[in-house]
């Protein structure tokens, strides 16, 4: 008699496959240090962090993730109209062996648009981590946000209200996950 198979085709007694997860953020704020430490200590998955440890942190103290986890640095530069670009992010998206990429869900980071599309073309799962919708947007902002969020396979949101607005905007519930 054979062992029952998991959805991934493995015998249930075998451990789930370890996923490679690329976590991208514009900067590593001090309040994320505990999260980084906990993920680094986990043996469930393999994590790689991409981001800037200094620039455009808007006065928020940063931590150096290289002391905790595998890290690839970017340099965030300001662009006109309140936009930003993360140098090297697209190159990392082209080269990564990750299964899942979690990127900042802020459409002001132009490289995230490009990296998200590159990762999708490479058949990687793309998730955006964001506040999402805090209120209903004006029409131009609404269209830009919807277009940007549709790059991702799913959104990791901070608030149930953001999920509710996302549902009203036509996103499937399965693509919206509230995290705390």
N, C-alpha and C. Protein backbone atom coordinates (compact mmCIF):
# COMPACT_ATOMS: atom_id res chain seq x y z
N UNK A 1 0.85 -1.18 0.00
CA UNK A 1 0.00 0.00 0.00
C UNK A 1 0.89 1.24 0.00
N UNK A 2 0.58 2.21 -0.85
CA UNK A 2 1.42 3.40 -0.93
C UNK A 2 0.93 4.48 0.03
N UNK A 3 1.86 5.38 0.36
CA UNK A 3 1.53 6.50 1.25
C UNK A 3 0.63 7.49 0.52
N UNK A 4 -0.32 8.12 1.23
CA UNK A 4 -1.11 9.18 0.60
C UNK A 4 -0.20 10.31 0.16
N UNK A 5 -0.54 10.93 -0.92
CA UNK A 5 0.28 12.01 -1.47
C UNK A 5 -0.26 13.37 -1.04
N UNK A 6 0.67 14.32 -0.86
CA UNK A 6 0.30 15.69 -0.57
C UNK A 6 -0.07 16.37 -1.89
N UNK A 7 -0.58 17.59 -1.85
CA UNK A 7 -0.89 18.28 -3.11
C UNK A 7 0.33 18.44 -4.00
N UNK A 8 1.56 18.38 -3.41
CA UNK A 8 2.78 18.53 -4.19
C UNK A 8 3.30 17.19 -4.71
N UNK A 9 2.53 16.11 -4.48
CA UNK A 9 2.90 14.81 -4.99
C UNK A 9 3.89 14.06 -4.12
N UNK A 10 4.15 14.51 -2.90
CA UNK A 10 5.08 13.85 -2.01
C UNK A 10 4.32 13.04 -0.97
N UNK A 11 4.96 12.01 -0.48
CA UNK A 11 4.35 11.26 0.62
C UNK A 11 4.19 12.20 1.80
N UNK A 12 3.08 12.07 2.53
CA UNK A 12 2.79 13.00 3.60
C UNK A 12 3.80 12.95 4.73
N UNK A 13 4.52 11.86 4.89
CA UNK A 13 5.49 11.78 5.97
C UNK A 13 6.74 12.60 5.66
N UNK A 14 6.96 12.97 4.41
CA UNK A 14 8.11 13.78 4.04
C UNK A 14 7.84 15.24 4.39
N UNK A 15 8.88 15.98 4.77
CA UNK A 15 8.68 17.40 5.04
C UNK A 15 8.34 18.15 3.76
N UNK A 16 7.61 19.22 3.92
CA UNK A 16 7.27 20.06 2.77
C UNK A 16 8.56 20.63 2.17
N UNK A 17 8.58 20.87 0.87
CA UNK A 17 9.79 21.40 0.26
C UNK A 17 10.12 22.79 0.81
N UNK A 18 11.39 23.04 0.97
CA UNK A 18 11.83 24.34 1.43
C UNK A 18 11.74 25.31 0.25
N UNK A 19 11.06 26.45 0.46
CA UNK A 19 10.93 27.45 -0.58
C UNK A 19 12.02 28.49 -0.45
N UNK A 20 12.45 29.02 -1.58
CA UNK A 20 13.38 30.14 -1.61
C UNK A 20 12.54 31.41 -1.73
N UNK A 21 12.69 32.30 -0.76
CA UNK A 21 11.87 33.52 -0.70
C UNK A 21 12.78 34.74 -0.74
N UNK A 22 12.54 35.60 -1.72
CA UNK A 22 13.26 36.87 -1.82
C UNK A 22 12.36 37.96 -1.24
N UNK A 23 12.86 38.65 -0.25
CA UNK A 23 12.11 39.70 0.45
C UNK A 23 12.74 41.03 0.09
N UNK A 24 11.97 41.89 -0.60
CA UNK A 24 12.49 43.16 -1.10
C UNK A 24 11.79 44.31 -0.41
N UNK A 25 12.57 45.23 0.11
CA UNK A 25 12.02 46.42 0.74
C UNK A 25 12.93 47.60 0.41
N UNK A 26 12.40 48.81 0.33
CA UNK A 26 13.26 49.95 0.02
C UNK A 26 14.34 50.17 1.07
N UNK A 27 14.01 49.93 2.34
CA UNK A 27 14.99 50.06 3.42
C UNK A 27 14.56 49.15 4.56
N UNK A 28 15.49 48.84 5.43
CA UNK A 28 15.22 47.93 6.53
C UNK A 28 15.05 48.71 7.82
N UNK A 29 13.82 49.08 8.09
CA UNK A 29 13.49 49.87 9.27
C UNK A 29 13.76 49.06 10.54
N UNK A 30 14.17 49.76 11.59
CA UNK A 30 14.51 49.11 12.86
C UNK A 30 13.36 48.28 13.41
N UNK A 31 12.13 48.67 13.14
CA UNK A 31 10.99 47.92 13.67
C UNK A 31 10.79 46.58 12.97
N UNK A 32 11.53 46.31 11.91
CA UNK A 32 11.45 45.00 11.25
C UNK A 32 12.58 44.06 11.68
N UNK A 33 13.43 44.52 12.58
CA UNK A 33 14.57 43.71 12.99
C UNK A 33 14.13 42.37 13.60
N UNK A 34 13.10 42.38 14.42
CA UNK A 34 12.63 41.15 15.05
C UNK A 34 12.09 40.18 14.00
N UNK A 35 11.38 40.69 13.02
CA UNK A 35 10.88 39.85 11.94
C UNK A 35 12.04 39.21 11.19
N UNK A 36 13.04 40.01 10.86
CA UNK A 36 14.21 39.47 10.16
C UNK A 36 14.88 38.38 10.98
N UNK A 37 15.04 38.62 12.27
CA UNK A 37 15.69 37.64 13.14
C UNK A 37 14.89 36.33 13.20
N UNK A 38 13.57 36.44 13.31
CA UNK A 38 12.74 35.24 13.39
C UNK A 38 12.78 34.44 12.09
N UNK A 39 12.72 35.14 10.97
CA UNK A 39 12.77 34.44 9.70
C UNK A 39 14.14 33.82 9.47
N UNK A 40 15.19 34.52 9.88
CA UNK A 40 16.55 33.99 9.73
C UNK A 40 16.74 32.72 10.54
N UNK A 41 16.09 32.64 11.70
CA UNK A 41 16.21 31.47 12.57
C UNK A 41 15.37 30.29 12.08
N UNK A 42 14.41 30.56 11.20
CA UNK A 42 13.52 29.51 10.70
C UNK A 42 14.26 28.60 9.73
N UNK A 43 13.98 27.32 9.84
CA UNK A 43 14.55 26.36 8.90
C UNK A 43 13.50 25.91 7.87
N UNK A 44 12.31 26.50 7.94
CA UNK A 44 11.23 26.12 7.03
C UNK A 44 11.51 26.53 5.59
N UNK A 45 12.11 27.70 5.42
CA UNK A 45 12.36 28.22 4.08
C UNK A 45 13.72 28.90 4.05
N UNK A 46 14.18 29.21 2.85
CA UNK A 46 15.45 29.91 2.65
C UNK A 46 15.12 31.35 2.24
N UNK A 47 15.63 32.31 3.00
CA UNK A 47 15.32 33.71 2.77
C UNK A 47 16.53 34.47 2.23
N UNK A 48 16.24 35.41 1.35
CA UNK A 48 17.24 36.34 0.85
C UNK A 48 16.61 37.73 0.90
N UNK A 49 17.36 38.69 1.38
CA UNK A 49 16.84 40.04 1.55
C UNK A 49 17.51 40.98 0.58
N UNK A 50 16.70 41.87 0.01
CA UNK A 50 17.17 42.86 -0.94
C UNK A 50 16.65 44.21 -0.50
N UNK A 51 17.55 45.18 -0.40
CA UNK A 51 17.10 46.52 -0.01
C UNK A 51 18.26 47.44 0.28
N UNK A 52 17.90 48.63 0.67
CA UNK A 52 18.85 49.69 0.97
C UNK A 52 18.92 49.84 2.49
N UNK A 53 20.12 49.95 3.03
CA UNK A 53 20.25 50.10 4.48
C UNK A 53 20.40 51.54 4.91
N UNK A 54 20.33 52.47 3.95
CA UNK A 54 20.54 53.85 4.38
C UNK A 54 19.66 54.89 3.71
N UNK A 55 19.55 54.87 2.40
CA UNK A 55 18.99 56.03 1.72
C UNK A 55 17.46 56.08 1.75
N UNK A 56 16.96 57.28 1.71
CA UNK A 56 15.53 57.58 1.63
C UNK A 56 14.71 56.97 2.76
N UNK A 57 15.34 56.76 3.91
CA UNK A 57 14.61 56.16 5.03
C UNK A 57 13.73 57.17 5.74
N UNK A 58 13.75 58.39 5.29
CA UNK A 58 12.86 59.43 5.81
C UNK A 58 12.94 59.55 7.34
N UNK A 59 14.17 59.47 7.87
CA UNK A 59 14.36 59.66 9.30
C UNK A 59 14.09 58.44 10.15
N UNK A 60 13.76 57.32 9.55
CA UNK A 60 13.50 56.09 10.31
C UNK A 60 14.83 55.36 10.48
N UNK A 61 15.22 55.03 11.71
CA UNK A 61 16.47 54.28 11.90
C UNK A 61 16.41 52.94 11.18
N UNK A 62 17.53 52.56 10.56
CA UNK A 62 17.60 51.31 9.81
C UNK A 62 18.51 50.32 10.50
N UNK A 63 18.32 49.05 10.18
CA UNK A 63 19.20 47.98 10.64
C UNK A 63 19.90 47.40 9.42
N UNK A 64 21.03 46.78 9.65
CA UNK A 64 21.78 46.13 8.59
C UNK A 64 21.40 44.65 8.58
N UNK A 65 20.60 44.22 7.61
CA UNK A 65 20.15 42.82 7.59
C UNK A 65 21.27 41.83 7.31
N UNK A 66 22.42 42.30 6.79
CA UNK A 66 23.52 41.39 6.47
C UNK A 66 24.01 40.65 7.70
N UNK A 67 23.79 41.22 8.88
CA UNK A 67 24.21 40.54 10.11
C UNK A 67 23.25 39.42 10.49
N UNK A 68 22.08 39.36 9.84
CA UNK A 68 21.06 38.38 10.18
C UNK A 68 20.81 37.35 9.08
N UNK A 69 20.80 37.78 7.85
CA UNK A 69 20.35 36.93 6.75
C UNK A 69 21.16 37.23 5.49
N UNK A 70 21.12 36.32 4.49
CA UNK A 70 21.74 36.64 3.20
C UNK A 70 21.13 37.92 2.65
N UNK A 71 21.96 38.81 2.16
CA UNK A 71 21.51 40.16 1.82
C UNK A 71 22.16 40.62 0.52
N UNK A 72 21.33 41.27 -0.32
CA UNK A 72 21.80 41.92 -1.55
C UNK A 72 21.44 43.39 -1.46
N UNK A 73 22.43 44.26 -1.54
CA UNK A 73 22.14 45.69 -1.38
C UNK A 73 21.61 46.35 -2.65
N UNK A 74 20.72 47.30 -2.44
CA UNK A 74 20.31 48.21 -3.50
C UNK A 74 20.61 49.61 -3.02
N UNK A 75 20.55 50.55 -3.93
CA UNK A 75 20.67 51.96 -3.57
C UNK A 75 19.40 52.63 -4.10
N UNK A 76 18.67 53.25 -3.22
CA UNK A 76 17.42 53.90 -3.61
C UNK A 76 17.71 55.35 -3.95
N UNK A 77 17.29 55.77 -5.14
CA UNK A 77 17.51 57.14 -5.57
C UNK A 77 16.16 57.81 -5.83
N UNK A 78 16.10 59.09 -5.51
CA UNK A 78 14.88 59.86 -5.73
C UNK A 78 14.75 60.23 -7.20
N UNK A 79 13.53 60.17 -7.69
CA UNK A 79 13.18 60.59 -9.04
C UNK A 79 12.18 61.74 -8.93
N UNK A 80 11.91 62.42 -10.02
CA UNK A 80 10.88 63.47 -9.97
C UNK A 80 9.51 62.90 -9.61
N UNK A 81 8.62 63.77 -9.21
CA UNK A 81 7.22 63.45 -8.91
C UNK A 81 7.06 62.53 -7.70
N UNK A 82 8.03 62.51 -6.79
CA UNK A 82 7.94 61.69 -5.60
C UNK A 82 8.18 60.21 -5.84
N UNK A 83 8.73 59.88 -6.99
CA UNK A 83 9.03 58.49 -7.32
C UNK A 83 10.44 58.13 -6.88
N UNK A 84 10.72 56.84 -6.81
CA UNK A 84 12.05 56.35 -6.44
C UNK A 84 12.41 55.17 -7.31
N UNK A 85 13.72 54.91 -7.40
CA UNK A 85 14.24 53.77 -8.15
C UNK A 85 15.23 53.03 -7.27
N UNK A 86 15.11 51.71 -7.19
CA UNK A 86 16.07 50.88 -6.46
C UNK A 86 17.06 50.29 -7.45
N UNK A 87 18.27 50.85 -7.46
CA UNK A 87 19.31 50.35 -8.35
C UNK A 87 19.61 48.90 -8.01
N UNK A 88 19.83 48.09 -9.02
CA UNK A 88 20.17 46.66 -8.95
C UNK A 88 18.96 45.75 -8.75
N UNK A 89 17.79 46.27 -8.41
CA UNK A 89 16.64 45.40 -8.14
C UNK A 89 16.25 44.59 -9.38
N UNK A 90 16.20 45.21 -10.54
CA UNK A 90 15.82 44.48 -11.75
C UNK A 90 16.85 43.40 -12.07
N UNK A 91 18.13 43.71 -11.89
CA UNK A 91 19.19 42.73 -12.10
C UNK A 91 18.99 41.53 -11.17
N UNK A 92 18.67 41.78 -9.91
CA UNK A 92 18.43 40.69 -8.97
C UNK A 92 17.20 39.87 -9.38
N UNK A 93 16.17 40.54 -9.88
CA UNK A 93 14.96 39.83 -10.33
C UNK A 93 15.28 38.91 -11.51
N UNK A 94 16.19 39.34 -12.36
CA UNK A 94 16.58 38.52 -13.50
C UNK A 94 17.43 37.31 -13.09
N UNK A 95 18.16 37.43 -11.98
CA UNK A 95 19.12 36.40 -11.59
C UNK A 95 18.64 35.48 -10.46
N UNK A 96 17.63 35.87 -9.73
CA UNK A 96 17.25 35.11 -8.53
C UNK A 96 16.74 33.72 -8.85
N UNK A 97 16.97 32.82 -7.91
CA UNK A 97 16.41 31.47 -8.03
C UNK A 97 15.22 31.30 -7.08
N UNK A 98 14.67 32.40 -6.62
CA UNK A 98 13.58 32.33 -5.64
C UNK A 98 12.33 31.69 -6.23
N UNK A 99 11.54 31.12 -5.34
CA UNK A 99 10.22 30.61 -5.71
C UNK A 99 9.17 31.71 -5.55
N UNK A 100 9.35 32.51 -4.49
CA UNK A 100 8.40 33.57 -4.15
C UNK A 100 9.19 34.86 -3.92
N UNK A 101 8.69 35.95 -4.46
CA UNK A 101 9.27 37.27 -4.19
C UNK A 101 8.22 38.12 -3.49
N UNK A 102 8.61 38.67 -2.35
CA UNK A 102 7.74 39.58 -1.61
C UNK A 102 8.35 40.97 -1.76
N UNK A 103 7.63 41.84 -2.45
CA UNK A 103 8.14 43.18 -2.72
C UNK A 103 7.27 44.23 -2.06
N UNK A 104 7.85 45.40 -1.86
CA UNK A 104 7.07 46.50 -1.31
C UNK A 104 5.89 46.80 -2.24
N UNK A 105 4.75 47.04 -1.66
CA UNK A 105 3.54 47.30 -2.44
C UNK A 105 3.28 48.78 -2.63
N UNK A 106 4.31 49.55 -2.76
CA UNK A 106 4.18 51.00 -2.94
C UNK A 106 4.47 51.34 -4.40
N UNK A 107 3.48 51.83 -5.14
CA UNK A 107 3.69 52.10 -6.57
C UNK A 107 4.66 53.24 -6.86
N UNK A 108 5.11 53.97 -5.84
CA UNK A 108 6.08 55.05 -6.05
C UNK A 108 7.48 54.50 -6.34
N UNK A 109 7.70 53.21 -6.08
CA UNK A 109 9.00 52.59 -6.35
C UNK A 109 8.95 51.96 -7.74
N UNK A 110 9.45 52.68 -8.72
CA UNK A 110 9.31 52.31 -10.13
C UNK A 110 9.98 50.97 -10.43
N UNK A 111 11.12 50.70 -9.80
CA UNK A 111 11.81 49.43 -10.06
C UNK A 111 10.97 48.23 -9.63
N UNK A 112 10.07 48.44 -8.67
CA UNK A 112 9.19 47.35 -8.25
C UNK A 112 8.25 46.95 -9.38
N UNK A 113 7.77 47.91 -10.14
CA UNK A 113 6.93 47.60 -11.31
C UNK A 113 7.70 46.68 -12.26
N UNK A 114 8.92 47.10 -12.59
CA UNK A 114 9.71 46.35 -13.57
C UNK A 114 10.10 44.99 -13.01
N UNK A 115 10.60 44.95 -11.78
CA UNK A 115 11.02 43.69 -11.17
C UNK A 115 9.83 42.73 -11.05
N UNK A 116 8.67 43.24 -10.66
CA UNK A 116 7.49 42.40 -10.55
C UNK A 116 7.12 41.75 -11.88
N UNK A 117 7.18 42.53 -12.95
CA UNK A 117 6.89 41.98 -14.28
C UNK A 117 7.94 40.97 -14.71
N UNK A 118 9.21 41.26 -14.45
CA UNK A 118 10.29 40.33 -14.78
C UNK A 118 10.10 39.01 -14.03
N UNK A 119 9.81 39.10 -12.74
CA UNK A 119 9.61 37.89 -11.94
C UNK A 119 8.41 37.08 -12.43
N UNK A 120 7.35 37.75 -12.81
CA UNK A 120 6.18 37.02 -13.35
C UNK A 120 6.54 36.32 -14.66
N UNK A 121 7.29 37.02 -15.53
CA UNK A 121 7.70 36.40 -16.80
C UNK A 121 8.59 35.19 -16.54
N UNK A 122 9.31 35.21 -15.43
CA UNK A 122 10.17 34.08 -15.05
C UNK A 122 9.40 33.03 -14.25
N UNK A 123 8.10 33.20 -14.17
CA UNK A 123 7.20 32.25 -13.49
C UNK A 123 7.48 32.13 -11.99
N UNK A 124 7.80 33.25 -11.38
CA UNK A 124 7.97 33.31 -9.93
C UNK A 124 6.68 33.87 -9.34
N UNK A 125 6.34 33.44 -8.14
CA UNK A 125 5.18 34.00 -7.46
C UNK A 125 5.56 35.36 -6.91
N UNK A 126 4.75 36.37 -7.21
CA UNK A 126 5.02 37.74 -6.78
C UNK A 126 3.93 38.17 -5.79
N UNK A 127 4.36 38.60 -4.61
CA UNK A 127 3.46 39.14 -3.61
C UNK A 127 3.90 40.56 -3.28
N UNK A 128 2.93 41.45 -3.11
CA UNK A 128 3.22 42.81 -2.65
C UNK A 128 2.77 42.93 -1.20
N UNK A 129 3.64 43.49 -0.37
CA UNK A 129 3.38 43.71 1.05
C UNK A 129 3.11 45.20 1.21
N UNK A 130 1.91 45.54 1.69
CA UNK A 130 1.51 46.94 1.62
C UNK A 130 0.40 47.28 2.62
N UNK A 131 0.27 48.57 2.89
CA UNK A 131 -0.91 49.03 3.60
C UNK A 131 -2.14 48.87 2.71
N UNK A 132 -1.90 48.83 1.41
CA UNK A 132 -3.01 48.69 0.48
C UNK A 132 -3.81 49.97 0.42
N UNK A 133 -5.09 49.83 0.43
CA UNK A 133 -5.99 50.97 0.37
C UNK A 133 -6.29 51.45 1.79
N UNK A 134 -6.02 52.69 2.06
CA UNK A 134 -6.40 53.27 3.36
C UNK A 134 -7.75 53.97 3.23
N UNK A 135 -8.04 54.39 2.03
CA UNK A 135 -9.33 55.03 1.72
C UNK A 135 -9.55 54.84 0.22
N UNK A 136 -10.72 55.20 -0.21
CA UNK A 136 -11.01 55.09 -1.64
C UNK A 136 -10.24 56.18 -2.39
N UNK A 137 -9.58 55.79 -3.45
CA UNK A 137 -8.73 56.71 -4.20
C UNK A 137 -9.52 57.52 -5.22
N UNK A 138 -8.93 58.67 -5.61
CA UNK A 138 -9.47 59.43 -6.74
C UNK A 138 -9.23 58.60 -8.01
N UNK A 139 -9.91 58.94 -9.07
CA UNK A 139 -9.89 58.11 -10.27
C UNK A 139 -8.49 57.87 -10.84
N UNK A 140 -7.64 58.90 -11.07
CA UNK A 140 -6.31 58.59 -11.64
C UNK A 140 -5.47 57.71 -10.69
N UNK A 141 -5.46 58.04 -9.42
CA UNK A 141 -4.70 57.26 -8.44
C UNK A 141 -5.27 55.84 -8.34
N UNK A 142 -6.57 55.74 -8.42
CA UNK A 142 -7.24 54.44 -8.34
C UNK A 142 -6.80 53.53 -9.49
N UNK A 143 -6.77 54.07 -10.70
CA UNK A 143 -6.37 53.28 -11.86
C UNK A 143 -4.91 52.86 -11.78
N UNK A 144 -4.04 53.76 -11.35
CA UNK A 144 -2.61 53.44 -11.22
C UNK A 144 -2.42 52.35 -10.17
N UNK A 145 -3.08 52.50 -9.02
CA UNK A 145 -2.94 51.51 -7.95
C UNK A 145 -3.45 50.13 -8.41
N UNK A 146 -4.60 50.09 -9.08
CA UNK A 146 -5.14 48.82 -9.55
C UNK A 146 -4.20 48.16 -10.56
N UNK A 147 -3.66 48.95 -11.47
CA UNK A 147 -2.73 48.41 -12.46
C UNK A 147 -1.49 47.84 -11.78
N UNK A 148 -0.94 48.59 -10.83
CA UNK A 148 0.24 48.15 -10.09
C UNK A 148 -0.05 46.87 -9.30
N UNK A 149 -1.12 46.85 -8.54
CA UNK A 149 -1.44 45.69 -7.72
C UNK A 149 -1.72 44.45 -8.55
N UNK A 150 -2.17 44.62 -9.79
CA UNK A 150 -2.44 43.46 -10.64
C UNK A 150 -1.16 42.79 -11.13
N UNK A 151 -0.01 43.43 -10.96
CA UNK A 151 1.26 42.77 -11.28
C UNK A 151 1.46 41.58 -10.36
N UNK A 152 1.06 41.72 -9.11
CA UNK A 152 1.28 40.69 -8.09
C UNK A 152 0.24 39.59 -8.17
N UNK A 153 0.66 38.39 -7.77
CA UNK A 153 -0.28 37.28 -7.63
C UNK A 153 -1.17 37.47 -6.41
N UNK A 154 -0.63 38.19 -5.41
CA UNK A 154 -1.39 38.42 -4.19
C UNK A 154 -0.86 39.61 -3.43
N UNK A 155 -1.70 40.14 -2.54
CA UNK A 155 -1.34 41.29 -1.71
C UNK A 155 -1.38 40.89 -0.25
N UNK A 156 -0.33 41.22 0.48
CA UNK A 156 -0.26 41.03 1.92
C UNK A 156 -0.57 42.39 2.54
N UNK A 157 -1.72 42.50 3.18
CA UNK A 157 -2.24 43.78 3.65
C UNK A 157 -2.23 43.86 5.17
N UNK A 158 -2.14 45.07 5.69
CA UNK A 158 -2.10 45.29 7.13
C UNK A 158 -3.47 45.42 7.78
N UNK A 159 -4.50 45.66 6.99
CA UNK A 159 -5.76 46.06 7.61
C UNK A 159 -6.96 45.42 6.90
N UNK A 160 -7.94 44.95 7.64
CA UNK A 160 -9.15 44.39 7.01
C UNK A 160 -9.86 45.41 6.12
N UNK A 161 -9.80 46.69 6.46
CA UNK A 161 -10.43 47.71 5.62
C UNK A 161 -9.79 47.73 4.22
N UNK A 162 -8.46 47.57 4.17
CA UNK A 162 -7.78 47.52 2.87
C UNK A 162 -8.30 46.34 2.05
N UNK A 163 -8.52 45.21 2.70
CA UNK A 163 -9.05 44.05 2.00
C UNK A 163 -10.46 44.34 1.49
N UNK A 164 -11.28 44.96 2.31
CA UNK A 164 -12.64 45.29 1.92
C UNK A 164 -12.66 46.21 0.69
N UNK A 165 -11.81 47.22 0.70
CA UNK A 165 -11.74 48.14 -0.45
C UNK A 165 -11.22 47.38 -1.67
N UNK A 166 -10.23 46.51 -1.47
CA UNK A 166 -9.70 45.72 -2.58
C UNK A 166 -10.78 44.85 -3.22
N UNK A 167 -11.63 44.25 -2.39
CA UNK A 167 -12.74 43.45 -2.92
C UNK A 167 -13.69 44.33 -3.73
N UNK A 168 -13.98 45.54 -3.21
CA UNK A 168 -14.84 46.48 -3.94
C UNK A 168 -14.21 46.91 -5.26
N UNK A 169 -12.87 46.89 -5.32
CA UNK A 169 -12.16 47.28 -6.54
C UNK A 169 -12.06 46.14 -7.55
N UNK A 170 -12.61 44.97 -7.19
CA UNK A 170 -12.66 43.86 -8.14
C UNK A 170 -11.58 42.81 -7.95
N UNK A 171 -10.78 42.90 -6.90
CA UNK A 171 -9.78 41.88 -6.64
C UNK A 171 -10.45 40.67 -5.99
N UNK A 172 -10.03 39.48 -6.39
CA UNK A 172 -10.56 38.26 -5.78
C UNK A 172 -10.08 38.13 -4.34
N UNK A 173 -10.93 37.61 -3.50
CA UNK A 173 -10.58 37.44 -2.09
C UNK A 173 -9.32 36.59 -1.92
N UNK A 174 -9.15 35.61 -2.77
CA UNK A 174 -7.98 34.72 -2.67
C UNK A 174 -6.67 35.47 -2.90
N UNK A 175 -6.73 36.65 -3.51
CA UNK A 175 -5.49 37.43 -3.75
C UNK A 175 -5.22 38.44 -2.65
N UNK A 176 -6.09 38.56 -1.67
CA UNK A 176 -5.94 39.55 -0.60
C UNK A 176 -5.82 38.85 0.74
N UNK A 177 -4.70 39.03 1.40
CA UNK A 177 -4.48 38.39 2.70
C UNK A 177 -4.09 39.44 3.73
N UNK A 178 -4.85 39.52 4.81
CA UNK A 178 -4.52 40.45 5.89
C UNK A 178 -3.51 39.77 6.81
N UNK A 179 -2.41 40.47 7.07
CA UNK A 179 -1.37 39.98 7.98
C UNK A 179 -1.17 41.00 9.09
N UNK A 180 -0.69 40.56 10.21
CA UNK A 180 -0.45 41.48 11.33
C UNK A 180 0.97 41.38 11.79
